[in-house]
């Protein structure tokens, strides 16, 4: 299978989905509250998204 941009995007989406669900399940088990687990998962995913974007921008400065 050729590793195209479309495949890379699909892999990124599937990886992020797996991460979101594993975080949700783990925090639900630890807290015992699905509501709190959902809020924590949303917060963690949001922070991770921003941090990844900033990480990419820093790397772009060094590679361009």
C-alpha atoms as a PDB file:
ATOM      1  CA  UNK A   1       0.000   0.000   0.000  1.00  0.00           C
ATOM      2  CA  UNK A   2       1.349   3.408  -0.968  1.00  0.00           C
ATOM      3  CA  UNK A   3       1.685   5.905   1.892  1.00  0.00           C
ATOM      4  CA  UNK A   4      -0.181   8.862   0.440  1.00  0.00           C
ATOM      5  CA  UNK A   5      -1.344  12.061   2.143  1.00  0.00           C
ATOM      6  CA  UNK A   6      -4.837  10.548   2.365  1.00  0.00           C
ATOM      7  CA  UNK A   7      -3.504   7.445   4.141  1.00  0.00           C
ATOM      8  CA  UNK A   8      -1.466   9.646   6.488  1.00  0.00           C
ATOM      9  CA  UNK A   9      -4.558  11.687   7.322  1.00  0.00           C
ATOM     10  CA  UNK A  10      -6.639   8.566   7.956  1.00  0.00           C
ATOM     11  CA  UNK A  11      -3.906   7.152  10.187  1.00  0.00           C
ATOM     12  CA  UNK A  12      -3.700  10.417  12.132  1.00  0.00           C
ATOM     13  CA  UNK A  13      -7.472  10.488  12.643  1.00  0.00           C
ATOM     14  CA  UNK A  14      -7.604   6.841  13.724  1.00  0.00           C
ATOM     15  CA  UNK A  15      -4.666   7.369  16.122  1.00  0.00           C
ATOM     16  CA  UNK A  16      -6.295  10.461  17.643  1.00  0.00           C
ATOM     17  CA  UNK A  17      -9.606   8.610  18.010  1.00  0.00           C
ATOM     18  CA  UNK A  18      -7.865   5.747  19.776  1.00  0.00           C
ATOM     19  CA  UNK A  19      -6.150   8.227  22.086  1.00  0.00           C
ATOM     20  CA  UNK A  20      -9.385  10.008  22.932  1.00  0.00           C
ATOM     21  CA  UNK A  21     -11.215   6.781  23.764  1.00  0.00           C
ATOM     22  CA  UNK A  22      -8.331   5.357  25.795  1.00  0.00           C
ATOM     23  CA  UNK A  23      -8.118   8.607  27.780  1.00  0.00           C
ATOM     24  CA  UNK A  24     -11.885   8.612  28.309  1.00  0.00           C
ATOM     25  CA  UNK A  25     -11.965   5.000  29.528  1.00  0.00           C
ATOM     26  CA  UNK A  26      -8.903   5.444  31.759  1.00  0.00           C
ATOM     27  CA  UNK A  27     -10.189   8.618  33.403  1.00  0.00           C
ATOM     28  CA  UNK A  28     -13.637   7.062  33.817  1.00  0.00           C
ATOM     29  CA  UNK A  29     -12.120   4.075  35.618  1.00  0.00           C
ATOM     30  CA  UNK A  30      -9.959   6.303  37.822  1.00  0.00           C
ATOM     31  CA  UNK A  31     -12.644   8.884  38.676  1.00  0.00           C
ATOM     32  CA  UNK A  32     -15.763   6.718  38.529  1.00  0.00           C
ATOM     33  CA  UNK A  33     -17.572   9.569  36.780  1.00  0.00           C
ATOM     34  CA  UNK A  34     -18.276   9.587  33.043  1.00  0.00           C
ATOM     35  CA  UNK A  35     -19.049  13.310  33.178  1.00  0.00           C
ATOM     36  CA  UNK A  36     -15.730  14.161  34.816  1.00  0.00           C
ATOM     37  CA  UNK A  37     -13.947  11.757  32.491  1.00  0.00           C
ATOM     38  CA  UNK A  38     -15.498  13.494  29.482  1.00  0.00           C
ATOM     39  CA  UNK A  39     -14.481  16.914  30.734  1.00  0.00           C
ATOM     40  CA  UNK A  40     -10.922  15.780  31.468  1.00  0.00           C
ATOM     41  CA  UNK A  41     -10.647  14.070  28.095  1.00  0.00           C
ATOM     42  CA  UNK A  42     -11.837  17.203  26.319  1.00  0.00           C
ATOM     43  CA  UNK A  43      -9.382  19.361  28.263  1.00  0.00           C
ATOM     44  CA  UNK A  44      -6.457  16.999  27.699  1.00  0.00           C
ATOM     45  CA  UNK A  45      -7.217  16.657  23.985  1.00  0.00           C
ATOM     46  CA  UNK A  46      -7.488  20.426  23.589  1.00  0.00           C
ATOM     47  CA  UNK A  47      -4.199  21.078  25.378  1.00  0.00           C
ATOM     48  CA  UNK A  48      -2.460  18.323  23.401  1.00  0.00           C
ATOM     49  CA  UNK A  49      -3.737  19.821  20.130  1.00  0.00           C
ATOM     50  CA  UNK A  50      -2.391  23.276  20.988  1.00  0.00           C
ATOM     51  CA  UNK A  51       0.923  21.868  22.195  1.00  0.00           C
ATOM     52  CA  UNK A  52       1.334  19.831  19.014  1.00  0.00           C
ATOM     53  CA  UNK A  53       0.629  22.880  16.873  1.00  0.00           C
ATOM     54  CA  UNK A  54       3.178  24.973  18.800  1.00  0.00           C
ATOM     55  CA  UNK A  55       5.707  22.131  18.567  1.00  0.00           C
ATOM     56  CA  UNK A  56       5.252  22.015  14.788  1.00  0.00           C
ATOM     57  CA  UNK A  57       5.689  25.794  14.478  1.00  0.00           C
ATOM     58  CA  UNK A  58       8.938  25.696  16.483  1.00  0.00           C
ATOM     59  CA  UNK A  59      10.261  22.875  14.294  1.00  0.00           C
ATOM     60  CA  UNK A  60       9.246  24.793  11.176  1.00  0.00           C
ATOM     61  CA  UNK A  61      11.529  27.648  12.221  1.00  0.00           C
ATOM     62  CA  UNK A  62      14.520  25.325  12.334  1.00  0.00           C
ATOM     63  CA  UNK A  63      13.792  23.345   9.185  1.00  0.00           C
ATOM     64  CA  UNK A  64      12.916  26.172   6.777  1.00  0.00           C
END
